[in-house]
Amino acid sequence: MKPLARITFDPKVMGGRPCIRGLRITVGTIVGLIASGKSRAEILKLYPYLEEEDVVKRLFMLLG
């Protein structure tokens, strides 16, 4: 799987901002949580519909 394959862009969802799997959770939200010091486990608890294989894991690798 490509590292960012789960990021979607849809003008009808969240104004076209990059989202995770078409859900109403933007990549910017996750980046902000990581920047504020939230752990991967905390983020997954806040957003239980995200999966470990989602961008969360890859973003931690890229930003962490």
PDB file of N, CA and C in Angstrom:
ATOM      1  N   MET A   1       0.832  -1.179   0.000  1.00  0.00           N
ATOM      2  CA  MET A   1       0.000   0.000   0.000  1.00  0.00           C
ATOM      3  C   MET A   1       0.878   1.245   0.000  1.00  0.00           C
ATOM      4  N   LYS A   2       0.498   2.216  -0.777  1.00  0.00           N
ATOM      5  CA  LYS A   2       1.230   3.478  -0.785  1.00  0.00           C
ATOM      6  C   LYS A   2       1.076   4.147   0.577  1.00  0.00           C
ATOM      7  N   PRO A   3       2.102   4.842   1.048  1.00  0.00           N
ATOM      8  CA  PRO A   3       2.059   5.433   2.393  1.00  0.00           C
ATOM      9  C   PRO A   3       0.867   6.349   2.648  1.00  0.00           C
ATOM     10  N   LEU A   4       0.398   7.059   1.652  1.00  0.00           N
ATOM     11  CA  LEU A   4      -0.693   8.001   1.877  1.00  0.00           C
ATOM     12  C   LEU A   4      -1.957   7.608   1.118  1.00  0.00           C
ATOM     13  N   ALA A   5      -2.123   6.326   0.846  1.00  0.00           N
ATOM     14  CA  ALA A   5      -3.253   5.849   0.053  1.00  0.00           C
ATOM     15  C   ALA A   5      -4.593   6.081   0.738  1.00  0.00           C
ATOM     16  N   ARG A   6      -4.610   6.242   2.035  1.00  0.00           N
ATOM     17  CA  ARG A   6      -5.875   6.428   2.746  1.00  0.00           C
ATOM     18  C   ARG A   6      -6.288   7.889   2.881  1.00  0.00           C
ATOM     19  N   ILE A   7      -5.557   8.788   2.272  1.00  0.00           N
ATOM     20  CA  ILE A   7      -5.946  10.195   2.268  1.00  0.00           C
ATOM     21  C   ILE A   7      -6.810  10.435   1.041  1.00  0.00           C
ATOM     22  N   THR A   8      -7.979  11.047   1.266  1.00  0.00           N
ATOM     23  CA  THR A   8      -8.899  11.312   0.171  1.00  0.00           C
ATOM     24  C   THR A   8      -9.163  12.810   0.054  1.00  0.00           C
ATOM     25  N   PHE A   9      -9.506  13.219  -1.151  1.00  0.00           N
ATOM     26  CA  PHE A   9      -9.870  14.603  -1.439  1.00  0.00           C
ATOM     27  C   PHE A   9     -11.227  14.577  -2.127  1.00  0.00           C
ATOM     28  N   ASP A  10     -12.217  15.197  -1.510  1.00  0.00           N
ATOM     29  CA  ASP A  10     -13.554  15.246  -2.095  1.00  0.00           C
ATOM     30  C   ASP A  10     -14.138  16.626  -1.801  1.00  0.00           C
ATOM     31  N   PRO A  11     -14.469  17.387  -2.839  1.00  0.00           N
ATOM     32  CA  PRO A  11     -14.992  18.738  -2.609  1.00  0.00           C
ATOM     33  C   PRO A  11     -16.278  18.745  -1.779  1.00  0.00           C
ATOM     34  N   LYS A  12     -16.959  17.614  -1.703  1.00  0.00           N
ATOM     35  CA  LYS A  12     -18.208  17.528  -0.944  1.00  0.00           C
ATOM     36  C   LYS A  12     -17.981  17.181   0.527  1.00  0.00           C
ATOM     37  N   VAL A  13     -16.756  16.839   0.882  1.00  0.00           N
ATOM     38  CA  VAL A  13     -16.447  16.453   2.260  1.00  0.00           C
ATOM     39  C   VAL A  13     -15.444  17.436   2.836  1.00  0.00           C
ATOM     40  N   MET A  14     -15.823  18.110   3.897  1.00  0.00           N
ATOM     41  CA  MET A  14     -14.950  19.052   4.614  1.00  0.00           C
ATOM     42  C   MET A  14     -14.326  20.096   3.682  1.00  0.00           C
ATOM     43  N   GLY A  15     -15.103  20.549   2.724  1.00  0.00           N
ATOM     44  CA  GLY A  15     -14.637  21.598   1.826  1.00  0.00           C
ATOM     45  C   GLY A  15     -13.479  21.205   0.932  1.00  0.00           C
ATOM     46  N   GLY A  16     -13.301  19.908   0.722  1.00  0.00           N
ATOM     47  CA  GLY A  16     -12.230  19.439  -0.148  1.00  0.00           C
ATOM     48  C   GLY A  16     -10.887  19.284   0.531  1.00  0.00           C
ATOM     49  N   ARG A  17     -10.842  19.563   1.830  1.00  0.00           N
ATOM     50  CA  ARG A  17      -9.571  19.384   2.548  1.00  0.00           C
ATOM     51  C   ARG A  17      -9.228  17.900   2.617  1.00  0.00           C
ATOM     52  N   PRO A  18      -7.944  17.556   2.683  1.00  0.00           N
ATOM     53  CA  PRO A  18      -7.552  16.152   2.740  1.00  0.00           C
ATOM     54  C   PRO A  18      -8.113  15.495   3.997  1.00  0.00           C
ATOM     55  N   CYS A  19      -8.792  14.368   3.791  1.00  0.00           N
ATOM     56  CA  CYS A  19      -9.418  13.621   4.881  1.00  0.00           C
ATOM     57  C   CYS A  19      -8.899  12.189   4.900  1.00  0.00           C
ATOM     58  N   ILE A  20      -9.169  11.520   5.988  1.00  0.00           N
ATOM     59  CA  ILE A  20      -8.771  10.128   6.117  1.00  0.00           C
ATOM     60  C   ILE A  20      -9.934   9.250   5.698  1.00  0.00           C
ATOM     61  N   ARG A  21      -9.730   8.476   4.644  1.00  0.00           N
ATOM     62  CA  ARG A  21     -10.700   7.530   4.101  1.00  0.00           C
ATOM     63  C   ARG A  21     -12.074   8.138   3.852  1.00  0.00           C
ATOM     64  N   GLY A  22     -12.134   9.405   3.495  1.00  0.00           N
ATOM     65  CA  GLY A  22     -13.416  10.033   3.207  1.00  0.00           C
ATOM     66  C   GLY A  22     -14.222  10.370   4.446  1.00  0.00           C
ATOM     67  N   LEU A  23     -13.667  10.099   5.611  1.00  0.00           N
ATOM     68  CA  LEU A  23     -14.344  10.440   6.852  1.00  0.00           C
ATOM     69  C   LEU A  23     -14.250  11.939   7.085  1.00  0.00           C
ATOM     70  N   ARG A  24     -15.009  12.444   7.988  1.00  0.00           N
ATOM     71  CA  ARG A  24     -14.985  13.877   8.297  1.00  0.00           C
ATOM     72  C   ARG A  24     -13.922  14.195   9.337  1.00  0.00           C
ATOM     73  N   ILE A  25     -12.759  13.606   9.156  1.00  0.00           N
ATOM     74  CA  ILE A  25     -11.594  13.901   9.998  1.00  0.00           C
ATOM     75  C   ILE A  25     -10.468  14.301   9.063  1.00  0.00           C
ATOM     76  N   THR A  26     -10.041  15.543   9.188  1.00  0.00           N
ATOM     77  CA  THR A  26      -9.028  16.026   8.258  1.00  0.00           C
ATOM     78  C   THR A  26      -7.626  15.624   8.715  1.00  0.00           C
ATOM     79  N   VAL A  27      -6.756  15.564   7.756  1.00  0.00           N
ATOM     80  CA  VAL A  27      -5.353  15.292   8.047  1.00  0.00           C
ATOM     81  C   VAL A  27      -4.812  16.402   8.953  1.00  0.00           C
ATOM     82  N   GLY A  28      -5.261  17.636   8.718  1.00  0.00           N
ATOM     83  CA  GLY A  28      -4.832  18.757   9.542  1.00  0.00           C
ATOM     84  C   GLY A  28      -5.193  18.583  11.006  1.00  0.00           C
ATOM     85  N   THR A  29      -6.342  17.990  11.266  1.00  0.00           N
ATOM     86  CA  THR A  29      -6.750  17.723  12.648  1.00  0.00           C
ATOM     87  C   THR A  29      -5.781  16.761  13.313  1.00  0.00           C
ATOM     88  N   ILE A  30      -5.429  15.702  12.594  1.00  0.00           N
ATOM     89  CA  ILE A  30      -4.506  14.708  13.149  1.00  0.00           C
ATOM     90  C   ILE A  30      -3.127  15.318  13.345  1.00  0.00           C
ATOM     91  N   VAL A  31      -2.666  16.094  12.378  1.00  0.00           N
ATOM     92  CA  VAL A  31      -1.360  16.750  12.508  1.00  0.00           C
ATOM     93  C   VAL A  31      -1.367  17.678  13.724  1.00  0.00           C
ATOM     94  N   GLY A  32      -2.454  18.411  13.911  1.00  0.00           N
ATOM     95  CA  GLY A  32      -2.568  19.292  15.066  1.00  0.00           C
ATOM     96  C   GLY A  32      -2.521  18.546  16.384  1.00  0.00           C
ATOM     97  N   LEU A  33      -3.168  17.402  16.439  1.00  0.00           N
ATOM     98  CA  LEU A  33      -3.145  16.588  17.654  1.00  0.00           C
ATOM     99  C   LEU A  33      -1.737  16.066  17.940  1.00  0.00           C
ATOM    100  N   ILE A  34      -1.067  15.629  16.899  1.00  0.00           N
ATOM    101  CA  ILE A  34       0.311  15.153  17.063  1.00  0.00           C
ATOM    102  C   ILE A  34       1.200  16.305  17.538  1.00  0.00           C
ATOM    103  N   ALA A  35       1.031  17.469  16.927  1.00  0.00           N
ATOM    104  CA  ALA A  35       1.845  18.627  17.290  1.00  0.00           C
ATOM    105  C   ALA A  35       1.602  19.065  18.734  1.00  0.00           C
ATOM    106  N   SER A  36       0.386  18.812  19.226  1.00  0.00           N
ATOM    107  CA  SER A  36       0.079  19.197  20.603  1.00  0.00           C
ATOM    108  C   SER A  36       0.517  18.142  21.616  1.00  0.00           C
ATOM    109  N   GLY A  37       1.118  17.065  21.105  1.00  0.00           N
ATOM    110  CA  GLY A  37       1.684  16.063  22.002  1.00  0.00           C
ATOM    111  C   GLY A  37       0.836  14.839  22.257  1.00  0.00           C
ATOM    112  N   LYS A  38      -0.281  14.705  21.554  1.00  0.00           N
ATOM    113  CA  LYS A  38      -1.126  13.516  21.736  1.00  0.00           C
ATOM    114  C   LYS A  38      -0.410  12.288  21.181  1.00  0.00           C
ATOM    115  N   SER A  39      -0.559  11.192  21.884  1.00  0.00           N
ATOM    116  CA  SER A  39       0.039   9.930  21.426  1.00  0.00           C
ATOM    117  C   SER A  39      -0.872   9.269  20.403  1.00  0.00           C
ATOM    118  N   ARG A  40      -0.350   8.305  19.706  1.00  0.00           N
ATOM    119  CA  ARG A  40      -1.144   7.541  18.738  1.00  0.00           C
ATOM    120  C   ARG A  40      -2.326   6.899  19.441  1.00  0.00           C
ATOM    121  N   ALA A  41      -2.107   6.326  20.619  1.00  0.00           N
ATOM    122  CA  ALA A  41      -3.183   5.677  21.370  1.00  0.00           C
ATOM    123  C   ALA A  41      -4.264   6.684  21.765  1.00  0.00           C
ATOM    124  N   GLU A  42      -3.850   7.876  22.159  1.00  0.00           N
ATOM    125  CA  GLU A  42      -4.820   8.910  22.533  1.00  0.00           C
ATOM    126  C   GLU A  42      -5.669   9.331  21.336  1.00  0.00           C
ATOM    127  N   ILE A  43      -5.039   9.476  20.194  1.00  0.00           N
ATOM    128  CA  ILE A  43      -5.764   9.869  18.989  1.00  0.00           C
ATOM    129  C   ILE A  43      -6.753   8.786  18.583  1.00  0.00           C
ATOM    130  N   LEU A  44      -6.330   7.537  18.642  1.00  0.00           N
ATOM    131  CA  LEU A  44      -7.227   6.439  18.282  1.00  0.00           C
ATOM    132  C   LEU A  44      -8.378   6.328  19.279  1.00  0.00           C
ATOM    133  N   LYS A  45      -8.151   6.701  20.518  1.00  0.00           N
ATOM    134  CA  LYS A  45      -9.232   6.695  21.512  1.00  0.00           C
ATOM    135  C   LYS A  45     -10.209   7.839  21.228  1.00  0.00           C
ATOM    136  N   LEU A  46      -9.677   9.005  20.847  1.00  0.00           N
ATOM    137  CA  LEU A  46     -10.532  10.147  20.512  1.00  0.00           C
ATOM    138  C   LEU A  46     -11.371   9.890  19.259  1.00  0.00           C
ATOM    139  N   TYR A  47     -10.799   9.171  18.311  1.00  0.00           N
ATOM    140  CA  TYR A  47     -11.454   8.882  17.035  1.00  0.00           C
ATOM    141  C   TYR A  47     -11.466   7.370  16.817  1.00  0.00           C
ATOM    142  N   PRO A  48     -12.363   6.661  17.496  1.00  0.00           N
ATOM    143  CA  PRO A  48     -12.343   5.189  17.445  1.00  0.00           C
ATOM    144  C   PRO A  48     -12.621   4.599  16.069  1.00  0.00           C
ATOM    145  N   TYR A  49     -13.155   5.395  15.151  1.00  0.00           N
ATOM    146  CA  TYR A  49     -13.417   4.886  13.808  1.00  0.00           C
ATOM    147  C   TYR A  49     -12.169   4.916  12.932  1.00  0.00           C
ATOM    148  N   LEU A  50     -11.088   5.526  13.420  1.00  0.00           N
ATOM    149  CA  LEU A  50      -9.817   5.439  12.705  1.00  0.00           C
ATOM    150  C   LEU A  50      -9.204   4.079  12.973  1.00  0.00           C
ATOM    151  N   GLU A  51      -8.424   3.618  12.048  1.00  0.00           N
ATOM    152  CA  GLU A  51      -7.740   2.331  12.199  1.00  0.00           C
ATOM    153  C   GLU A  51      -6.243   2.578  12.300  1.00  0.00           C
ATOM    154  N   GLU A  52      -5.566   1.686  12.986  1.00  0.00           N
ATOM    155  CA  GLU A  52      -4.116   1.808  13.166  1.00  0.00           C
ATOM    156  C   GLU A  52      -3.408   1.995  11.822  1.00  0.00           C
ATOM    157  N   GLU A  53      -3.928   1.345  10.781  1.00  0.00           N
ATOM    158  CA  GLU A  53      -3.296   1.420   9.466  1.00  0.00           C
ATOM    159  C   GLU A  53      -3.607   2.724   8.745  1.00  0.00           C
ATOM    160  N   ASP A  54      -4.489   3.521   9.312  1.00  0.00           N
ATOM    161  CA  ASP A  54      -4.784   4.813   8.695  1.00  0.00           C
ATOM    162  C   ASP A  54      -3.549   5.685   8.742  1.00  0.00           C
ATOM    163  N   VAL A  55      -3.709   6.849   8.270  1.00  0.00           N
ATOM    164  CA  VAL A  55      -2.614   7.799   8.165  1.00  0.00           C
ATOM    165  C   VAL A  55      -1.975   8.085   9.525  1.00  0.00           C
ATOM    166  N   VAL A  56      -2.708   7.859  10.592  1.00  0.00           N
ATOM    167  CA  VAL A  56      -2.180   8.162  11.919  1.00  0.00           C
ATOM    168  C   VAL A  56      -0.802   7.538  12.106  1.00  0.00           C
ATOM    169  N   LYS A  57      -0.692   6.259  11.782  1.00  0.00           N
ATOM    170  CA  LYS A  57       0.576   5.551  11.955  1.00  0.00           C
ATOM    171  C   LYS A  57       1.653   6.170  11.071  1.00  0.00           C
ATOM    172  N   ARG A  58       1.301   6.447   9.835  1.00  0.00           N
ATOM    173  CA  ARG A  58       2.278   6.999   8.903  1.00  0.00           C
ATOM    174  C   ARG A  58       2.642   8.436   9.257  1.00  0.00           C
ATOM    175  N   LEU A  59       1.671   9.200   9.722  1.00  0.00           N
ATOM    176  CA  LEU A  59       1.971  10.561  10.116  1.00  0.00           C
ATOM    177  C   LEU A  59       2.928  10.597  11.296  1.00  0.00           C
ATOM    178  N   PHE A  60       2.745   9.682  12.235  1.00  0.00           N
ATOM    179  CA  PHE A  60       3.676   9.618  13.361  1.00  0.00           C
ATOM    180  C   PHE A  60       5.084   9.285  12.866  1.00  0.00           C
ATOM    181  N   MET A  61       5.164   8.415  11.870  1.00  0.00           N
ATOM    182  CA  MET A  61       6.494   8.071  11.335  1.00  0.00           C
ATOM    183  C   MET A  61       7.092   9.284  10.626  1.00  0.00           C
ATOM    184  N   LEU A  62       6.277  10.023   9.884  1.00  0.00           N
ATOM    185  CA  LEU A  62       6.782  11.166   9.127  1.00  0.00           C
ATOM    186  C   LEU A  62       7.099  12.357  10.027  1.00  0.00           C
ATOM    187  N   LEU A  63       6.263  12.593  11.022  1.00  0.00           N
ATOM    188  CA  LEU A  63       6.411  13.775  11.862  1.00  0.00           C
ATOM    189  C   LEU A  63       7.144  13.507  13.165  1.00  0.00           C
ATOM    190  N   GLY A  64       7.178  12.233  13.559  1.00  0.00           N
ATOM    191  CA  GLY A  64       7.691  11.898  14.882  1.00  0.00           C
ATOM    192  C   GLY A  64       9.145  11.793  14.935  1.00  0.00           C
TER     193      GLY A  64
END
